[in-house]
C-alpha atoms as a PDB file:
ATOM      1  CA  MET A   1     129.770  32.621  33.493  1.00  0.00           C
ATOM      2  CA  PHE A   2     126.424  32.259  35.222  1.00  0.00           C
ATOM      3  CA  GLY A   3     124.949  28.834  35.774  1.00  0.00           C
ATOM      4  CA  CYS A   4     121.640  27.713  37.175  1.00  0.00           C
ATOM      5  CA  PHE A   5     120.600  24.560  38.953  1.00  0.00           C
ATOM      6  CA  LYS A   6     116.852  24.093  39.271  1.00  0.00           C
ATOM      7  CA  PHE A   7     115.376  21.967  42.052  1.00  0.00           C
ATOM      8  CA  ILE A   8     111.910  20.666  41.213  1.00  0.00           C
ATOM      9  CA  LYS A   9     109.616  19.510  43.983  1.00  0.00           C
ATOM     10  CA  ASN A  10     106.426  19.381  41.942  1.00  0.00           C
ATOM     11  CA  ALA A  11     104.628  21.300  39.226  1.00  0.00           C
ATOM     12  CA  ASP A  12     103.782  24.371  41.320  1.00  0.00           C
ATOM     13  CA  LYS A  13     106.907  24.704  43.478  1.00  0.00           C
ATOM     14  CA  THR A  14     110.298  25.224  41.890  1.00  0.00           C
ATOM     15  CA  LEU A  15     113.450  26.290  43.684  1.00  0.00           C
ATOM     16  CA  ARG A  16     116.314  27.650  41.605  1.00  0.00           C
ATOM     17  CA  ILE A  17     119.807  28.349  42.829  1.00  0.00           C
ATOM     18  CA  PHE A  18     121.874  30.593  40.571  1.00  0.00           C
ATOM     19  CA  PHE A  19     125.607  30.898  40.950  1.00  0.00           C
ATOM     20  CA  LYS A  20     128.593  32.380  39.148  1.00  0.00           C
ATOM     21  CA  ASN A  21     131.862  30.491  38.757  1.00  0.00           C
ATOM     22  CA  ILE A  22     135.260  32.168  38.522  1.00  0.00           C
ATOM     23  CA  PRO A  23     138.119  29.862  37.456  1.00  0.00           C
ATOM     24  CA  LEU A  24     141.128  29.792  39.756  1.00  0.00           C
ATOM     25  CA  LYS A  25     144.661  28.597  38.981  1.00  0.00           C
ATOM     26  CA  THR A  26     143.570  25.127  40.063  1.00  0.00           C
ATOM     27  CA  ASP A  27     140.669  23.075  38.668  1.00  0.00           C
ATOM     28  CA  ILE A  28     138.422  24.322  41.452  1.00  0.00           C
ATOM     29  CA  ASN A  29     135.751  26.984  41.044  1.00  0.00           C
ATOM     30  CA  ILE A  30     134.462  29.250  43.786  1.00  0.00           C
ATOM     31  CA  LEU A  31     130.898  30.199  44.441  1.00  0.00           C
ATOM     32  CA  VAL A  32     130.579  33.969  44.242  1.00  0.00           C
ATOM     33  CA  ASP A  33     126.867  34.581  44.231  1.00  0.00           C
ATOM     34  CA  VAL A  34     123.708  32.765  45.223  1.00  0.00           C
ATOM     35  CA  ILE A  35     120.171  33.838  44.445  1.00  0.00           C
ATOM     36  CA  ILE A  36     117.086  31.814  45.120  1.00  0.00           C
ATOM     37  CA  TYR A  37     114.203  32.486  42.787  1.00  0.00           C
ATOM     38  CA  TYR A  38     110.755  31.126  43.516  1.00  0.00           C
ATOM     39  CA  SER A  39     107.345  31.362  41.904  1.00  0.00           C
ATOM     40  CA  LYS A  40     104.038  32.504  43.412  1.00  0.00           C
ATOM     41  CA  GLY A  41     102.749  30.511  46.312  1.00  0.00           C
ATOM     42  CA  TYR A  42     105.928  30.194  48.382  1.00  0.00           C
ATOM     43  CA  ASP A  43     105.511  30.974  52.034  1.00  0.00           C
ATOM     44  CA  LYS A  44     107.504  33.033  54.544  1.00  0.00           C
ATOM     45  CA  TYR A  45     109.895  30.134  55.088  1.00  0.00           C
ATOM     46  CA  LEU A  46     111.303  30.506  51.586  1.00  0.00           C
ATOM     47  CA  ASN A  47     111.621  34.254  52.015  1.00  0.00           C
ATOM     48  CA  ASP A  48     113.688  33.605  55.122  1.00  0.00           C
ATOM     49  CA  LEU A  49     115.736  31.009  53.249  1.00  0.00           C
ATOM     50  CA  PHE A  50     116.379  33.502  50.460  1.00  0.00           C
ATOM     51  CA  SER A  51     117.650  36.106  52.926  1.00  0.00           C
ATOM     52  CA  ALA A  52     119.773  33.612  54.826  1.00  0.00           C
ATOM     53  CA  VAL A  53     121.504  32.301  51.700  1.00  0.00           C
ATOM     54  CA  GLN A  54     122.158  35.828  50.435  1.00  0.00           C
ATOM     55  CA  ALA A  55     123.753  36.712  53.767  1.00  0.00           C
ATOM     56  CA  LYS A  56     125.903  33.577  53.732  1.00  0.00           C
ATOM     57  CA  SER A  57     126.999  34.313  50.181  1.00  0.00           C
ATOM     58  CA  MET A  58     128.058  37.859  50.997  1.00  0.00           C
ATOM     59  CA  ALA A  59     129.910  36.690  54.102  1.00  0.00           C
ATOM     60  CA  PHE A  60     132.002  34.296  52.051  1.00  0.00           C
ATOM     61  CA  LEU A  61     132.692  36.934  49.421  1.00  0.00           C
ATOM     62  CA  GLU A  62     133.939  39.361  52.040  1.00  0.00           C
ATOM     63  CA  SER A  63     136.045  36.756  53.829  1.00  0.00           C
ATOM     64  CA  GLY A  64     137.627  35.553  50.585  1.00  0.00           C
ATOM     65  CA  GLU A  65     137.208  31.905  51.565  1.00  0.00           C
ATOM     66  CA  ILE A  66     136.860  29.234  48.885  1.00  0.00           C
ATOM     67  CA  TYR A  67     133.399  27.744  49.231  1.00  0.00           C
ATOM     68  CA  LEU A  68     132.396  24.814  47.059  1.00  0.00           C
ATOM     69  CA  ASP A  69     128.892  23.831  48.090  1.00  0.00           C
ATOM     70  CA  PHE A  70     126.172  25.724  46.226  1.00  0.00           C
ATOM     71  CA  TYR A  71     123.616  24.464  48.730  1.00  0.00           C
ATOM     72  CA  MET A  72     125.370  26.656  51.298  1.00  0.00           C
ATOM     73  CA  TYR A  73     124.589  25.620  54.879  1.00  0.00           C
ATOM     74  CA  ARG A  74     120.873  25.250  54.241  1.00  0.00           C
ATOM     75  CA  LYS A  75     120.781  22.016  52.252  1.00  0.00           C
ATOM     76  CA  GLU A  76     118.955  20.262  55.087  1.00  0.00           C
ATOM     77  CA  ASP A  77     116.248  22.912  54.873  1.00  0.00           C
ATOM     78  CA  ILE A  78     116.040  22.405  51.130  1.00  0.00           C
ATOM     79  CA  MET A  79     115.608  18.691  51.754  1.00  0.00           C
ATOM     80  CA  ASN A  80     112.588  19.472  53.903  1.00  0.00           C
ATOM     81  CA  LEU A  81     110.742  20.829  50.868  1.00  0.00           C
ATOM     82  CA  GLY A  82     109.867  17.207  50.102  1.00  0.00           C
ATOM     83  CA  ALA A  83     111.295  13.825  49.169  1.00  0.00           C
ATOM     84  CA  CYS A  84     112.872  13.066  45.794  1.00  0.00           C
ATOM     85  CA  ILE A  85     113.702  16.525  44.487  1.00  0.00           C
ATOM     86  CA  ASP A  86     115.063  16.544  40.935  1.00  0.00           C
ATOM     87  CA  MET A  87     118.200  18.591  40.311  1.00  0.00           C
ATOM     88  CA  ILE A  88     118.314  20.042  36.782  1.00  0.00           C
ATOM     89  CA  ASP A  89     121.193  21.851  35.095  1.00  0.00           C
ATOM     90  CA  GLU A  90     119.343  24.546  33.202  1.00  0.00           C
ATOM     91  CA  ARG A  91     122.401  25.445  31.134  1.00  0.00           C
ATOM     92  CA  THR A  92     122.363  22.072  29.394  1.00  0.00           C
ATOM     93  CA  LYS A  93     118.718  21.184  30.184  1.00  0.00           C
ATOM     94  CA  THR A  94     119.841  17.870  31.657  1.00  0.00           C
ATOM     95  CA  MET A  95     118.914  16.140  34.884  1.00  0.00           C
ATOM     96  CA  LEU A  96     121.839  15.667  37.254  1.00  0.00           C
ATOM     97  CA  LEU A  97     120.429  13.898  40.264  1.00  0.00           C
ATOM     98  CA  ARG A  98     117.236  12.707  41.957  1.00  0.00           C
ATOM     99  CA  ILE A  99     117.842  13.801  45.536  1.00  0.00           C
ATOM    100  CA  ARG A 100     116.439  11.635  48.334  1.00  0.00           C
ATOM    101  CA  ASN A 101     118.294  13.003  51.351  1.00  0.00           C
ATOM    102  CA  SER A 102     121.053  15.400  52.381  1.00  0.00           C
ATOM    103  CA  GLU A 103     123.656  12.602  52.244  1.00  0.00           C
ATOM    104  CA  ASP A 104     123.004  12.341  48.500  1.00  0.00           C
ATOM    105  CA  VAL A 105     123.732  16.052  48.252  1.00  0.00           C
ATOM    106  CA  ASP A 106     126.994  15.771  50.180  1.00  0.00           C
ATOM    107  CA  ASN A 107     128.272  12.848  48.092  1.00  0.00           C
ATOM    108  CA  PHE A 108     127.242  14.326  44.768  1.00  0.00           C
ATOM    109  CA  ILE A 109     128.891  17.684  45.455  1.00  0.00           C
ATOM    110  CA  LYS A 110     131.992  16.044  46.936  1.00  0.00           C
ATOM    111  CA  PHE A 111     132.774  13.989  43.851  1.00  0.00           C
ATOM    112  CA  LEU A 112     131.346  16.381  41.256  1.00  0.00           C
ATOM    113  CA  LYS A 113     133.811  19.107  42.243  1.00  0.00           C
ATOM    114  CA  LEU A 114     136.921  16.928  41.786  1.00  0.00           C
ATOM    115  CA  SER A 115     139.289  17.916  38.997  1.00  0.00           C
ATOM    116  CA  ASP A 116     139.124  15.951  35.736  1.00  0.00           C
ATOM    117  CA  SER A 117     142.295  14.053  36.586  1.00  0.00           C
ATOM    118  CA  GLU A 118     140.971  13.197  40.059  1.00  0.00           C
ATOM    119  CA  LYS A 119     137.685  11.966  38.571  1.00  0.00           C
ATOM    120  CA  THR A 120     139.535   9.747  36.104  1.00  0.00           C
ATOM    121  CA  ALA A 121     141.773   8.338  38.827  1.00  0.00           C
ATOM    122  CA  ARG A 122     138.759   7.573  41.024  1.00  0.00           C
ATOM    123  CA  ILE A 123     136.851   5.707  38.306  1.00  0.00           C
ATOM    124  CA  ASP A 124     139.994   3.759  37.350  1.00  0.00           C
ATOM    125  CA  GLU A 125     140.381   2.618  40.964  1.00  0.00           C
ATOM    126  CA  ILE A 126     136.731   1.565  41.088  1.00  0.00           C
ATOM    127  CA  ILE A 127     137.050  -0.452  37.873  1.00  0.00           C
ATOM    128  CA  GLU A 128     140.204  -2.168  39.131  1.00  0.00           C
ATOM    129  CA  PHE A 129     138.375  -3.103  42.333  1.00  0.00           C
ATOM    130  CA  LEU A 130     135.275  -4.405  40.531  1.00  0.00           C
ATOM    131  CA  LEU A 131     137.339  -6.544  38.147  1.00  0.00           C
ATOM    132  CA  GLN A 132     138.477  -8.609  41.122  1.00  0.00           C
ATOM    133  CA  ASP A 133     134.973  -9.996  41.653  1.00  0.00           C
ATOM    134  CA  LYS A 134     134.733 -12.526  38.819  1.00  0.00           C
ATOM    135  CA  ASP A 135     131.153 -13.470  39.743  1.00  0.00           C
ATOM    136  CA  CYS A 136     129.896  -9.951  39.074  1.00  0.00           C
ATOM    137  CA  ILE A 137     131.602  -9.196  35.770  1.00  0.00           C
ATOM    138  CA  PHE A 138     130.706 -10.457  32.317  1.00  0.00           C
ATOM    139  CA  ASN A 139     132.140 -13.812  31.279  1.00  0.00           C
ATOM    140  CA  PRO A 140     132.025 -14.308  27.471  1.00  0.00           C
ATOM    141  CA  LYS A 141     132.752 -18.051  27.783  1.00  0.00           C
ATOM    142  CA  LYS A 142     129.795 -18.662  30.100  1.00  0.00           C
ATOM    143  CA  ALA A 143     127.580 -16.557  27.847  1.00  0.00           C
ATOM    144  CA  LYS A 144     128.654 -18.537  24.779  1.00  0.00           C
ATOM    145  CA  GLN A 145     127.802 -21.820  26.492  1.00  0.00           C
ATOM    146  CA  ALA A 146     124.401 -20.473  27.516  1.00  0.00           C
ATOM    147  CA  VAL A 147     123.173 -18.731  24.363  1.00  0.00           C
ATOM    148  CA  ASN A 148     125.534 -20.028  21.663  1.00  0.00           C
ATOM    149  CA  ILE A 149     126.520 -16.508  20.607  1.00  0.00           C
ATOM    150  CA  ASP A 150     129.940 -14.924  20.928  1.00  0.00           C
ATOM    151  CA  ILE A 151     129.092 -11.825  22.936  1.00  0.00           C
ATOM    152  CA  PRO A 152     132.310  -9.876  23.486  1.00  0.00           C
ATOM    153  CA  ALA A 153     133.224  -8.160  26.716  1.00  0.00           C
ATOM    154  CA  SER A 154     133.645  -4.387  26.695  1.00  0.00           C
ATOM    155  CA  PHE A 155     137.050  -2.724  26.656  1.00  0.00           C
ATOM    156  CA  ARG A 156     136.777  -2.287  30.439  1.00  0.00           C
ATOM    157  CA  GLY A 157     135.860  -5.939  30.843  1.00  0.00           C
ATOM    158  CA  LEU A 158     132.911  -5.482  33.205  1.00  0.00           C
ATOM    159  CA  ALA A 159     129.964  -5.781  30.821  1.00  0.00           C
ATOM    160  CA  PRO A 160     129.005  -7.188  27.429  1.00  0.00           C
ATOM    161  CA  ASP A 161     129.385  -4.915  24.413  1.00  0.00           C
ATOM    162  CA  TYR A 162     126.740  -5.825  21.833  1.00  0.00           C
ATOM    163  CA  ASP A 163     127.970  -3.432  19.132  1.00  0.00           C
ATOM    164  CA  THR A 164     129.947  -5.936  17.066  1.00  0.00           C
ATOM    165  CA  ILE A 165     127.062  -8.443  17.010  1.00  0.00           C
ATOM    166  CA  LYS A 166     124.308  -5.928  16.285  1.00  0.00           C
ATOM    167  CA  ASP A 167     123.268  -7.694  13.048  1.00  0.00           C
ATOM    168  CA  ILE A 168     123.162 -11.195  14.544  1.00  0.00           C
ATOM    169  CA  LEU A 169     119.729 -12.739  15.068  1.00  0.00           C
ATOM    170  CA  PHE A 170     118.729 -14.382  18.337  1.00  0.00           C
ATOM    171  CA  LYS A 171     115.442 -16.287  18.234  1.00  0.00           C
ATOM    172  CA  GLY A 172     114.545 -14.408  15.069  1.00  0.00           C
ATOM    173  CA  ASN A 173     115.317 -10.904  16.332  1.00  0.00           C
ATOM    174  CA  PRO A 174     118.370  -8.669  15.869  1.00  0.00           C
ATOM    175  CA  VAL A 175     120.494  -8.410  19.021  1.00  0.00           C
ATOM    176  CA  ILE A 176     120.479  -4.600  18.710  1.00  0.00           C
ATOM    177  CA  TYR A 177     117.267  -2.875  17.631  1.00  0.00           C
ATOM    178  CA  LYS A 178     117.527  -0.772  14.495  1.00  0.00           C
ATOM    179  CA  PHE A 179     115.127   2.157  14.167  1.00  0.00           C
ATOM    180  CA  LYS A 180     114.842   3.297  10.550  1.00  0.00           C
ATOM    181  CA  ASP A 181     118.501   3.666   9.516  1.00  0.00           C
ATOM    182  CA  ALA A 182     119.942   4.066  13.018  1.00  0.00           C
ATOM    183  CA  TYR A 183     121.082   1.323  15.364  1.00  0.00           C
ATOM    184  CA  GLY A 184     120.027   1.654  18.989  1.00  0.00           C
ATOM    185  CA  ILE A 185     123.516   2.664  20.100  1.00  0.00           C
ATOM    186  CA  LEU A 186     124.097   6.186  21.388  1.00  0.00           C
ATOM    187  CA  LYS A 187     125.421   8.257  24.273  1.00  0.00           C
ATOM    188  CA  ILE A 188     123.460  10.148  26.915  1.00  0.00           C
ATOM    189  CA  LYS A 189     124.295  12.022  30.083  1.00  0.00           C
ATOM    190  CA  TYR A 190     123.264   9.870  33.036  1.00  0.00           C
ATOM    191  CA  SER A 191     120.323  11.229  35.045  1.00  0.00           C
ATOM    192  CA  SER A 192     120.496   8.949  38.145  1.00  0.00           C
ATOM    193  CA  VAL A 193     117.100   7.461  37.169  1.00  0.00           C
ATOM    194  CA  ARG A 194     116.894   4.497  34.781  1.00  0.00           C
ATOM    195  CA  ASP A 195     113.477   5.402  33.377  1.00  0.00           C
ATOM    196  CA  ILE A 196     114.687   8.902  32.542  1.00  0.00           C
ATOM    197  CA  ASP A 197     117.826   7.472  30.911  1.00  0.00           C
ATOM    198  CA  PHE A 198     115.601   5.237  28.779  1.00  0.00           C
ATOM    199  CA  ARG A 199     113.390   8.163  27.788  1.00  0.00           C
ATOM    200  CA  LEU A 200     116.412  10.287  26.849  1.00  0.00           C
ATOM    201  CA  ALA A 201     117.829   7.464  24.745  1.00  0.00           C
ATOM    202  CA  TYR A 202     114.524   6.832  22.956  1.00  0.00           C
ATOM    203  CA  GLU A 203     114.176  10.552  22.233  1.00  0.00           C
ATOM    204  CA  LYS A 204     117.724  10.765  20.892  1.00  0.00           C
ATOM    205  CA  LEU A 205     117.018   7.796  18.608  1.00  0.00           C
ATOM    206  CA  GLY A 206     113.921   9.628  17.375  1.00  0.00           C
ATOM    207  CA  MET A 207     111.333   7.110  18.562  1.00  0.00           C
ATOM    208  CA  SER A 208     107.761   8.112  19.378  1.00  0.00           C
ATOM    209  CA  THR A 209     105.601   6.651  22.141  1.00  0.00           C
ATOM    210  CA  ASP A 210     103.924   4.362  19.618  1.00  0.00           C
ATOM    211  CA  ASP A 211     107.312   3.198  18.327  1.00  0.00           C
ATOM    212  CA  ILE A 212     108.414   2.374  21.855  1.00  0.00           C
ATOM    213  CA  LYS A 213     105.261   0.424  22.663  1.00  0.00           C
ATOM    214  CA  LYS A 214     105.906  -1.878  19.720  1.00  0.00           C
ATOM    215  CA  ILE A 215     109.304  -3.040  20.962  1.00  0.00           C
ATOM    216  CA  GLU A 216     109.534  -2.492  24.735  1.00  0.00           C
ATOM    217  CA  ASP A 217     108.473  -6.066  25.541  1.00  0.00           C
ATOM    218  CA  LEU A 218     111.441  -7.403  23.565  1.00  0.00           C
ATOM    219  CA  TYR A 219     114.147  -4.764  24.019  1.00  0.00           C
ATOM    220  CA  VAL A 220     115.728  -2.862  26.881  1.00  0.00           C
ATOM    221  CA  TRP A 221     118.445  -0.190  27.134  1.00  0.00           C
ATOM    222  CA  HIS A 222     121.804  -1.549  28.292  1.00  0.00           C
ATOM    223  CA  HIS A 223     124.102   0.879  30.152  1.00  0.00           C
ATOM    224  CA  LEU A 224     127.542   0.005  28.793  1.00  0.00           C
ATOM    225  CA  ASP A 225     130.353   0.194  31.349  1.00  0.00           C
ATOM    226  CA  ASP A 226     132.017   3.183  29.637  1.00  0.00           C
ATOM    227  CA  TRP A 227     130.412   5.867  31.845  1.00  0.00           C
ATOM    228  CA  ASP A 228     132.760   8.846  32.136  1.00  0.00           C
ATOM    229  CA  PRO A 229     132.608  10.965  35.329  1.00  0.00           C
ATOM    230  CA  VAL A 230     134.216  13.913  33.510  1.00  0.00           C
ATOM    231  CA  SER A 231     131.555  14.266  30.801  1.00  0.00           C
ATOM    232  CA  GLY A 232     128.817  12.444  32.728  1.00  0.00           C
ATOM    233  CA  GLU A 233     128.052  10.459  29.576  1.00  0.00           C
ATOM    234  CA  GLY A 234     127.839   6.776  28.818  1.00  0.00           C
ATOM    235  CA  THR A 235     126.835   4.550  25.901  1.00  0.00           C
ATOM    236  CA  MET A 236     123.351   3.045  25.723  1.00  0.00           C
ATOM    237  CA  GLN A 237     122.554  -0.025  23.610  1.00  0.00           C
ATOM    238  CA  LEU A 238     118.983  -1.083  22.816  1.00  0.00           C
ATOM    239  CA  VAL A 239     119.413  -4.828  23.215  1.00  0.00           C
ATOM    240  CA  LEU A 240     117.197  -7.895  23.415  1.00  0.00           C
ATOM    241  CA  LYS A 241     115.986  -8.373  26.985  1.00  0.00           C
ATOM    242  CA  SER A 242     116.666 -12.093  26.739  1.00  0.00           C
ATOM    243  CA  LEU A 243     120.355 -11.349  26.153  1.00  0.00           C
ATOM    244  CA  HIS A 244     120.588  -8.711  28.863  1.00  0.00           C
ATOM    245  CA  ASN A 245     118.909 -10.317  31.854  1.00  0.00           C
ATOM    246  CA  SER A 246     121.683 -10.801  34.417  1.00  0.00           C
ATOM    247  CA  THR A 247     119.802 -13.581  36.220  1.00  0.00           C
ATOM    248  CA  GLY A 248     118.853 -15.471  33.065  1.00  0.00           C
ATOM    249  CA  TYR A 249     120.583 -18.617  31.826  1.00  0.00           C
ATOM    250  CA  ASP A 250     121.826 -19.442  35.334  1.00  0.00           C
ATOM    251  CA  ASN A 251     123.495 -16.032  35.693  1.00  0.00           C
ATOM    252  CA  ALA A 252     125.575 -16.617  32.547  1.00  0.00           C
ATOM    253  CA  LEU A 253     124.829 -13.038  31.422  1.00  0.00           C
ATOM    254  CA  ASN A 254     125.706 -11.410  34.725  1.00  0.00           C
ATOM    255  CA  HIS A 255     127.608  -8.138  34.351  1.00  0.00           C
ATOM    256  CA  THR A 256     128.487  -4.801  35.916  1.00  0.00           C
ATOM    257  CA  GLY A 257     127.360  -1.887  33.754  1.00  0.00           C
ATOM    258  CA  GLY A 258     127.479   1.887  33.726  1.00  0.00           C
ATOM    259  CA  VAL A 259     124.838   2.311  36.412  1.00  0.00           C
ATOM    260  CA  ALA A 260     126.983   0.350  38.867  1.00  0.00           C
ATOM    261  CA  LEU A 261     129.985   2.536  38.003  1.00  0.00           C
ATOM    262  CA  TRP A 262     127.942   5.679  38.649  1.00  0.00           C
ATOM    263  CA  LYS A 263     126.726   4.288  41.997  1.00  0.00           C
ATOM    264  CA  TRP A 264     130.246   3.329  43.104  1.00  0.00           C
ATOM    265  CA  TYR A 265     131.599   6.702  42.015  1.00  0.00           C
ATOM    266  CA  TYR A 266     129.027   8.888  43.801  1.00  0.00           C
ATOM    267  CA  LEU A 267     128.046   6.393  46.539  1.00  0.00           C
ATOM    268  CA  ILE A 268     124.421   7.223  45.758  1.00  0.00           C
ATOM    269  CA  TYR A 269     121.500   4.952  44.884  1.00  0.00           C
ATOM    270  CA  TYR A 270     120.518   4.915  41.174  1.00  0.00           C
ATOM    271  CA  SER A 271     116.724   4.850  40.947  1.00  0.00           C
END
């Protein structure tokens, strides 16, 4: 099966790395081919990069070694194309990561290539660790005292889950925004950029730019703490800003959501 990851620097310079995965007896895949495709306007440097990566790929094929980094050895050179390169999975048309430096690349690849069971074990350990810090996780009792609403904690216990109170009014507004017949509760694949997550969620809910403008002063997307490193997905809830602000009501609404889980898992900054 061929896959393609596209690295976007700007509108006129796009770097694509194609690769083919062959499943082994384990959960690991090996890189068996690398091709860099580039549009008009690329200079001799990219031609050299193309040749170098092809040579590296063939060397690994001939040696039979398992190689797991589709950046090959030239990821530092790729970084030099410019800051904040977006990494897109063209198979699913989803954004995977906004790259800021080569360390981001190393961490993302390291934890992305874990088996499903290893990913689950890692996120479970992170959640167990985070639950020990009572000041950073959601406290329903403190929230009740502050806003006089019973906001339940999520099943993981790190963040509020507004689903069960979606029809309750707070200062005249529903806790969860309802667009036409659909509540603002859905799942997306995390992009590593909050604004892009919000855009994806709005699009999935079917809202236009005009629709968004009417409500964005009152509502904000809440990343529930159910992010799954295996699927890359997490639940988004379009909730009243006044009930989501972690620093509001003397920190009574403080919580640790899906973005924090993603950051702890990959050890990468979430823009």
